[in-house]
Amino acid sequence: MHGLQRSSLCLVAQGAKSVMVGREIYEYDPQHMIVFSVDVPVTSRVVRASRTEPFLALRLNLDPHVIAQLVL
């Protein structure tokens, strides 16, 4: 899947996902999370899932303006 990944924190509860940013490939799973601090174009795919254990994830969108206010 190709798209624009917004600023977010992505957690996986079950399965695994691979994300390509430029030429770099990142994989995240229940032991690893990924954070996008800025909006970036990505290519992604689920790399581990099955009928008995489907891919299950949570994405928390991050608002840079709200985070900047919290930092101050």
N, C-alpha and C. Protein backbone atom coordinates (compact mmCIF):
# COMPACT_ATOMS: atom_id res chain seq x y z
N MET A 1 0.85 -1.16 0.00
CA MET A 1 0.00 0.00 0.00
C MET A 1 0.90 1.23 0.00
N HIS A 2 0.61 2.19 -0.85
CA HIS A 2 1.36 3.44 -0.93
C HIS A 2 0.50 4.55 -0.33
N GLY A 3 1.13 5.47 0.39
CA GLY A 3 0.35 6.56 0.97
C GLY A 3 1.21 7.54 1.73
N LEU A 4 0.56 8.49 2.34
CA LEU A 4 1.22 9.48 3.17
C LEU A 4 0.98 9.12 4.63
N GLN A 5 2.05 8.87 5.35
CA GLN A 5 1.94 8.54 6.77
C GLN A 5 1.99 9.82 7.58
N ARG A 6 0.95 10.11 8.29
CA ARG A 6 0.89 11.31 9.13
C ARG A 6 1.71 11.11 10.40
N SER A 7 2.02 12.19 11.09
CA SER A 7 2.73 12.10 12.36
C SER A 7 1.93 11.20 13.29
N SER A 8 2.56 10.13 13.77
CA SER A 8 1.82 9.18 14.59
C SER A 8 2.74 8.23 15.33
N LEU A 9 2.16 7.57 16.31
CA LEU A 9 2.79 6.48 17.05
C LEU A 9 2.04 5.22 16.66
N CYS A 10 2.75 4.21 16.17
CA CYS A 10 2.10 2.98 15.71
C CYS A 10 2.55 1.80 16.57
N LEU A 11 1.57 1.09 17.11
CA LEU A 11 1.83 -0.08 17.96
C LEU A 11 1.14 -1.29 17.35
N VAL A 12 1.78 -2.43 17.44
CA VAL A 12 1.20 -3.68 16.93
C VAL A 12 0.93 -4.60 18.11
N ALA A 13 -0.28 -5.11 18.20
CA ALA A 13 -0.64 -6.06 19.24
C ALA A 13 -0.44 -7.50 18.76
N GLN A 14 -0.58 -7.69 17.44
CA GLN A 14 -0.48 -9.04 16.87
C GLN A 14 -0.07 -8.94 15.42
N GLY A 15 0.89 -9.76 15.00
CA GLY A 15 1.36 -9.75 13.63
C GLY A 15 2.57 -8.83 13.47
N ALA A 16 2.84 -8.43 12.23
CA ALA A 16 3.96 -7.53 11.95
C ALA A 16 3.69 -6.76 10.67
N LYS A 17 4.29 -5.58 10.57
CA LYS A 17 4.12 -4.73 9.41
C LYS A 17 5.48 -4.19 8.99
N SER A 18 5.67 -4.01 7.70
CA SER A 18 6.89 -3.46 7.13
C SER A 18 6.56 -2.13 6.47
N VAL A 19 7.41 -1.12 6.70
CA VAL A 19 7.20 0.20 6.13
C VAL A 19 8.48 0.64 5.44
N MET A 20 8.38 1.09 4.19
CA MET A 20 9.52 1.61 3.46
C MET A 20 9.40 3.13 3.39
N VAL A 21 10.43 3.82 3.91
CA VAL A 21 10.51 5.28 3.86
C VAL A 21 11.76 5.58 3.04
N GLY A 22 11.57 6.10 1.84
CA GLY A 22 12.72 6.25 0.94
C GLY A 22 13.23 4.87 0.58
N ARG A 23 14.49 4.62 0.86
CA ARG A 23 15.07 3.29 0.59
C ARG A 23 15.26 2.47 1.86
N GLU A 24 14.87 3.04 3.00
CA GLU A 24 14.99 2.35 4.29
C GLU A 24 13.72 1.56 4.58
N ILE A 25 13.89 0.34 5.08
CA ILE A 25 12.76 -0.52 5.44
C ILE A 25 12.77 -0.73 6.95
N TYR A 26 11.61 -0.51 7.57
CA TYR A 26 11.45 -0.69 9.01
C TYR A 26 10.33 -1.69 9.24
N GLU A 27 10.56 -2.62 10.16
CA GLU A 27 9.52 -3.59 10.50
C GLU A 27 9.19 -3.41 11.97
N TYR A 28 7.90 -3.44 12.26
CA TYR A 28 7.49 -3.36 13.66
C TYR A 28 6.46 -4.42 13.96
N ASP A 29 6.47 -4.84 15.23
CA ASP A 29 5.68 -5.97 15.69
C ASP A 29 5.36 -5.74 17.17
N PRO A 30 4.82 -6.73 17.88
CA PRO A 30 4.48 -6.49 19.29
C PRO A 30 5.67 -6.07 20.17
N GLN A 31 6.90 -6.38 19.76
CA GLN A 31 8.06 -6.00 20.55
C GLN A 31 8.67 -4.66 20.11
N HIS A 32 8.22 -4.12 18.98
CA HIS A 32 8.78 -2.90 18.42
C HIS A 32 7.66 -1.96 17.97
N MET A 33 7.85 -0.67 18.22
CA MET A 33 6.88 0.31 17.75
C MET A 33 7.59 1.23 16.77
N ILE A 34 6.81 2.08 16.10
CA ILE A 34 7.40 3.04 15.18
C ILE A 34 6.73 4.39 15.41
N VAL A 35 7.52 5.45 15.32
CA VAL A 35 7.02 6.81 15.50
C VAL A 35 7.38 7.61 14.26
N PHE A 36 6.39 8.29 13.70
CA PHE A 36 6.61 9.19 12.59
C PHE A 36 6.45 10.61 13.13
N SER A 37 7.55 11.36 13.17
CA SER A 37 7.50 12.70 13.75
C SER A 37 7.03 13.75 12.74
N VAL A 38 7.09 13.43 11.46
CA VAL A 38 6.60 14.32 10.40
C VAL A 38 5.83 13.47 9.39
N ASP A 39 5.04 14.13 8.56
CA ASP A 39 4.32 13.42 7.51
C ASP A 39 5.32 12.99 6.43
N VAL A 40 5.28 11.70 6.05
CA VAL A 40 6.20 11.18 5.03
C VAL A 40 5.47 10.22 4.10
N PRO A 41 5.89 10.19 2.82
CA PRO A 41 5.32 9.19 1.91
C PRO A 41 5.94 7.83 2.22
N VAL A 42 5.11 6.80 2.27
CA VAL A 42 5.59 5.46 2.62
C VAL A 42 4.96 4.41 1.72
N THR A 43 5.59 3.27 1.72
CA THR A 43 5.02 2.05 1.15
C THR A 43 4.98 1.06 2.30
N SER A 44 3.85 0.44 2.55
CA SER A 44 3.75 -0.47 3.69
C SER A 44 3.02 -1.75 3.30
N ARG A 45 3.26 -2.78 4.11
CA ARG A 45 2.54 -4.04 3.93
C ARG A 45 2.59 -4.84 5.21
N VAL A 46 1.56 -5.60 5.43
CA VAL A 46 1.52 -6.52 6.57
C VAL A 46 2.36 -7.73 6.18
N VAL A 47 3.33 -8.07 7.01
CA VAL A 47 4.23 -9.18 6.69
C VAL A 47 3.98 -10.43 7.54
N ARG A 48 3.18 -10.28 8.59
CA ARG A 48 2.84 -11.46 9.39
C ARG A 48 1.40 -11.34 9.88
N ALA A 49 0.58 -12.26 9.40
CA ALA A 49 -0.83 -12.35 9.80
C ALA A 49 -1.38 -13.68 9.29
N SER A 50 -2.40 -14.16 9.94
CA SER A 50 -3.04 -15.40 9.51
C SER A 50 -4.53 -15.33 9.88
N ARG A 51 -5.27 -16.31 9.46
CA ARG A 51 -6.70 -16.35 9.81
C ARG A 51 -6.89 -16.51 11.31
N THR A 52 -6.02 -17.29 11.93
CA THR A 52 -6.15 -17.52 13.37
C THR A 52 -5.55 -16.39 14.20
N GLU A 53 -4.56 -15.67 13.64
CA GLU A 53 -3.94 -14.54 14.32
C GLU A 53 -3.83 -13.37 13.34
N PRO A 54 -4.92 -12.64 13.13
CA PRO A 54 -4.90 -11.53 12.18
C PRO A 54 -4.04 -10.37 12.69
N PHE A 55 -3.65 -9.51 11.76
CA PHE A 55 -2.87 -8.31 12.11
C PHE A 55 -3.77 -7.39 12.93
N LEU A 56 -3.25 -6.93 14.07
CA LEU A 56 -4.01 -6.06 14.96
C LEU A 56 -3.07 -4.94 15.43
N ALA A 57 -3.45 -3.69 15.12
CA ALA A 57 -2.56 -2.56 15.44
C ALA A 57 -3.37 -1.35 15.90
N LEU A 58 -2.64 -0.41 16.50
CA LEU A 58 -3.22 0.85 16.95
C LEU A 58 -2.34 1.97 16.44
N ARG A 59 -2.96 3.00 15.86
CA ARG A 59 -2.21 4.18 15.44
C ARG A 59 -2.77 5.37 16.20
N LEU A 60 -1.88 6.08 16.88
CA LEU A 60 -2.24 7.29 17.62
C LEU A 60 -1.69 8.48 16.84
N ASN A 61 -2.58 9.26 16.24
CA ASN A 61 -2.14 10.42 15.47
C ASN A 61 -1.60 11.49 16.41
N LEU A 62 -0.49 12.11 16.01
CA LEU A 62 0.16 13.14 16.81
C LEU A 62 -0.03 14.49 16.13
N ASP A 63 -0.47 15.48 16.90
CA ASP A 63 -0.64 16.84 16.38
C ASP A 63 0.60 17.64 16.76
N PRO A 64 1.45 17.99 15.79
CA PRO A 64 2.70 18.71 16.10
C PRO A 64 2.48 20.01 16.86
N HIS A 65 1.38 20.71 16.60
CA HIS A 65 1.11 21.96 17.29
C HIS A 65 0.82 21.74 18.78
N VAL A 66 0.07 20.71 19.08
CA VAL A 66 -0.24 20.38 20.47
C VAL A 66 1.03 19.93 21.19
N ILE A 67 1.84 19.12 20.53
CA ILE A 67 3.09 18.66 21.14
C ILE A 67 4.02 19.84 21.40
N ALA A 68 4.10 20.79 20.47
CA ALA A 68 4.95 21.97 20.66
C ALA A 68 4.48 22.77 21.88
N GLN A 69 3.19 22.90 22.06
CA GLN A 69 2.66 23.62 23.23
C GLN A 69 3.00 22.89 24.52
N LEU A 70 2.95 21.55 24.50
CA LEU A 70 3.29 20.79 25.70
C LEU A 70 4.77 20.93 26.05
N VAL A 71 5.62 21.00 25.04
CA VAL A 71 7.06 21.14 25.27
C VAL A 71 7.37 22.47 25.92
N LEU A 72 6.66 23.51 25.50
CA LEU A 72 6.87 24.84 26.10
C LEU A 72 6.37 24.87 27.51
